[in-house]
Amino acid sequence: MTFNPIESIDFNGNTGPFIQYTYARIQSVLRKAREEGTGIPEKFLPAFNPNQKEIEIVKLLDWFPGIIVEAGESYSPALVANYCYELVKEYNQFYHDFSILKEEDVNTRDFRILLSKKTGEVIGKGMELLGIEVPERM
């Protein structure tokens, strides 16, 4: 294995800093939601109809407990690392494609804020299990 110091701080691709940056980005969204008075909803309306990208992220979030069990049983922390990477990759695409705080439909906005919060929680827990800190700001 060769250590490349340039790749170790790369904010793109399958790297720790890329995952940390996404976590910090989510925390920024949540801070802005609080500052703007929107707040962070505790739950969303069951009648809400998410788009395909939102569904993909929800599915990924649902897989997290199983990934943790599998990683523990197989002594493979790489499963958690790879899962975190896939989750942040999907979230970043979502963040790029859809408005969160500026979304005009209140139900959609609240769902996206809550989805961001839950994604951040899972990223934070996954990285904690790997012994990697996640910053609130970058």
Protein backbone atom coordinates (compact mmCIF):
# COMPACT_ATOMS: atom_id res chain seq x y z
CA MET A 1 0.00 0.00 0.00
CA THR A 2 1.35 3.43 -0.94
CA PHE A 3 0.35 6.61 0.87
CA ASN A 4 -0.29 9.56 -1.41
CA PRO A 5 -0.54 12.82 0.60
CA ILE A 6 -2.32 14.62 -2.25
CA GLU A 7 -5.05 11.98 -2.47
CA SER A 8 -5.41 11.90 1.31
CA ILE A 9 -6.88 15.41 1.34
CA ASP A 10 -8.88 15.17 -1.90
CA PHE A 11 -12.44 16.45 -1.55
CA ASN A 12 -13.62 14.36 -4.52
CA GLY A 13 -14.07 10.64 -4.81
CA ASN A 14 -13.87 7.88 -2.26
CA THR A 15 -11.93 9.76 0.43
CA GLY A 16 -12.40 10.66 4.07
CA PRO A 17 -12.34 14.40 3.35
CA PHE A 18 -15.10 13.98 0.74
CA ILE A 19 -17.30 12.29 3.34
CA GLN A 20 -16.36 14.85 6.01
CA TYR A 21 -17.10 17.72 3.62
CA THR A 22 -20.55 16.31 2.89
CA TYR A 23 -21.26 16.01 6.61
CA ALA A 24 -20.19 19.63 7.12
CA ARG A 25 -22.38 20.66 4.16
CA ILE A 26 -25.38 18.99 5.77
CA GLN A 27 -24.68 20.71 9.08
CA SER A 28 -24.59 24.02 7.20
CA VAL A 29 -28.02 23.32 5.68
CA LEU A 30 -29.40 22.53 9.14
CA ARG A 31 -27.85 25.66 10.66
CA LYS A 32 -29.37 27.81 7.92
CA ALA A 33 -32.77 26.17 8.45
CA ARG A 34 -32.62 27.15 12.12
CA GLU A 35 -31.31 30.66 11.42
CA GLU A 36 -33.97 31.35 8.80
CA GLY A 37 -36.71 30.25 11.18
CA THR A 38 -37.66 27.24 9.09
CA GLY A 39 -36.48 24.88 11.78
CA ILE A 40 -35.88 21.17 11.51
CA PRO A 41 -39.06 19.10 11.41
CA GLU A 42 -39.32 16.03 13.62
CA LYS A 43 -41.43 14.13 11.09
CA PHE A 44 -42.96 14.61 7.68
CA LEU A 45 -46.47 14.16 6.39
CA PRO A 46 -47.16 10.56 5.36
CA ALA A 47 -48.99 11.80 2.24
CA PHE A 48 -45.75 13.32 0.90
CA ASN A 49 -44.67 11.88 -2.46
CA PRO A 50 -40.84 11.84 -2.68
CA ASN A 51 -39.00 11.90 -5.99
CA GLN A 52 -36.80 9.03 -7.17
CA LYS A 53 -33.55 10.47 -5.77
CA GLU A 54 -35.16 11.00 -2.35
CA ILE A 55 -36.41 7.41 -2.42
CA GLU A 56 -32.89 6.18 -3.21
CA ILE A 57 -31.47 8.05 -0.22
CA VAL A 58 -34.21 6.73 2.09
CA LYS A 59 -33.43 3.19 0.92
CA LEU A 60 -29.73 3.73 1.60
CA LEU A 61 -30.50 5.06 5.07
CA ASP A 62 -32.61 1.97 5.72
CA TRP A 63 -29.67 -0.31 4.85
CA PHE A 64 -27.38 1.19 7.50
CA PRO A 65 -28.23 -1.14 10.42
CA GLY A 66 -27.72 -4.19 8.21
CA ILE A 67 -24.39 -2.87 6.95
CA ILE A 68 -23.23 -2.42 10.55
CA VAL A 69 -24.21 -5.99 11.44
CA GLU A 70 -22.55 -7.39 8.32
CA ALA A 71 -19.38 -5.36 8.92
CA GLY A 72 -19.21 -6.64 12.50
CA GLU A 73 -19.83 -10.26 11.59
CA SER A 74 -17.24 -10.21 8.80
CA TYR A 75 -14.72 -8.01 10.65
CA SER A 76 -14.78 -5.68 7.65
CA PRO A 77 -14.91 -1.96 8.46
CA ALA A 78 -14.48 -1.36 4.72
CA LEU A 79 -18.18 -2.18 4.37
CA VAL A 80 -19.03 0.82 6.54
CA ALA A 81 -16.56 3.05 4.71
CA ASN A 82 -17.92 2.03 1.31
CA TYR A 83 -21.50 2.48 2.51
CA CYS A 84 -20.71 6.00 3.77
CA TYR A 85 -19.15 6.84 0.42
CA GLU A 86 -22.21 5.60 -1.51
CA LEU A 87 -24.52 7.56 0.79
CA VAL A 88 -22.60 10.83 0.42
CA LYS A 89 -22.34 10.33 -3.33
CA GLU A 90 -26.14 10.02 -3.56
CA TYR A 91 -26.70 12.92 -1.17
CA ASN A 92 -24.35 15.21 -3.09
CA GLN A 93 -26.19 14.44 -6.33
CA PHE A 94 -29.48 15.20 -4.56
CA TYR A 95 -28.04 18.43 -3.13
CA HIS A 96 -26.86 19.46 -6.59
CA ASP A 97 -30.15 18.64 -8.34
CA PHE A 98 -32.79 19.84 -5.87
CA SER A 99 -33.41 22.92 -3.78
CA ILE A 100 -33.68 22.27 -0.07
CA LEU A 101 -34.17 25.49 1.87
CA LYS A 102 -35.47 27.50 -1.08
CA GLU A 103 -38.06 24.88 -2.03
CA GLU A 104 -41.43 26.65 -2.21
CA ASP A 105 -43.59 23.67 -1.27
CA VAL A 106 -43.47 23.49 2.53
CA ASN A 107 -43.99 19.71 2.72
CA THR A 108 -41.22 19.09 0.20
CA ARG A 109 -38.88 21.52 1.96
CA ASP A 110 -39.55 19.95 5.36
CA PHE A 111 -39.00 16.45 3.97
CA ARG A 112 -35.70 17.49 2.41
CA ILE A 113 -34.51 19.13 5.61
CA LEU A 114 -35.41 16.03 7.60
CA LEU A 115 -33.79 13.80 4.96
CA SER A 116 -30.63 15.90 5.26
CA LYS A 117 -30.70 15.62 9.05
CA LYS A 118 -31.10 11.83 8.97
CA THR A 119 -28.39 11.50 6.32
CA GLY A 120 -26.04 13.55 8.50
CA GLU A 121 -26.81 11.38 11.52
CA VAL A 122 -26.01 8.20 9.61
CA ILE A 123 -22.80 9.64 8.14
CA GLY A 124 -21.77 10.80 11.62
CA LYS A 125 -22.45 7.39 13.18
CA GLY A 126 -20.71 5.53 10.36
CA MET A 127 -17.62 7.68 10.61
CA GLU A 128 -17.64 7.39 14.41
CA LEU A 129 -17.62 3.61 14.06
CA LEU A 130 -14.58 3.97 11.80
CA GLY A 131 -12.86 6.23 14.34
CA ILE A 132 -12.98 9.25 12.01
CA GLU A 133 -14.16 12.62 13.26
CA VAL A 134 -16.63 14.67 11.26
CA PRO A 135 -16.40 18.46 11.49
CA GLU A 136 -19.39 20.75 11.86
CA ARG A 137 -17.71 23.22 9.49
CA MET A 138 -15.00 23.02 6.85
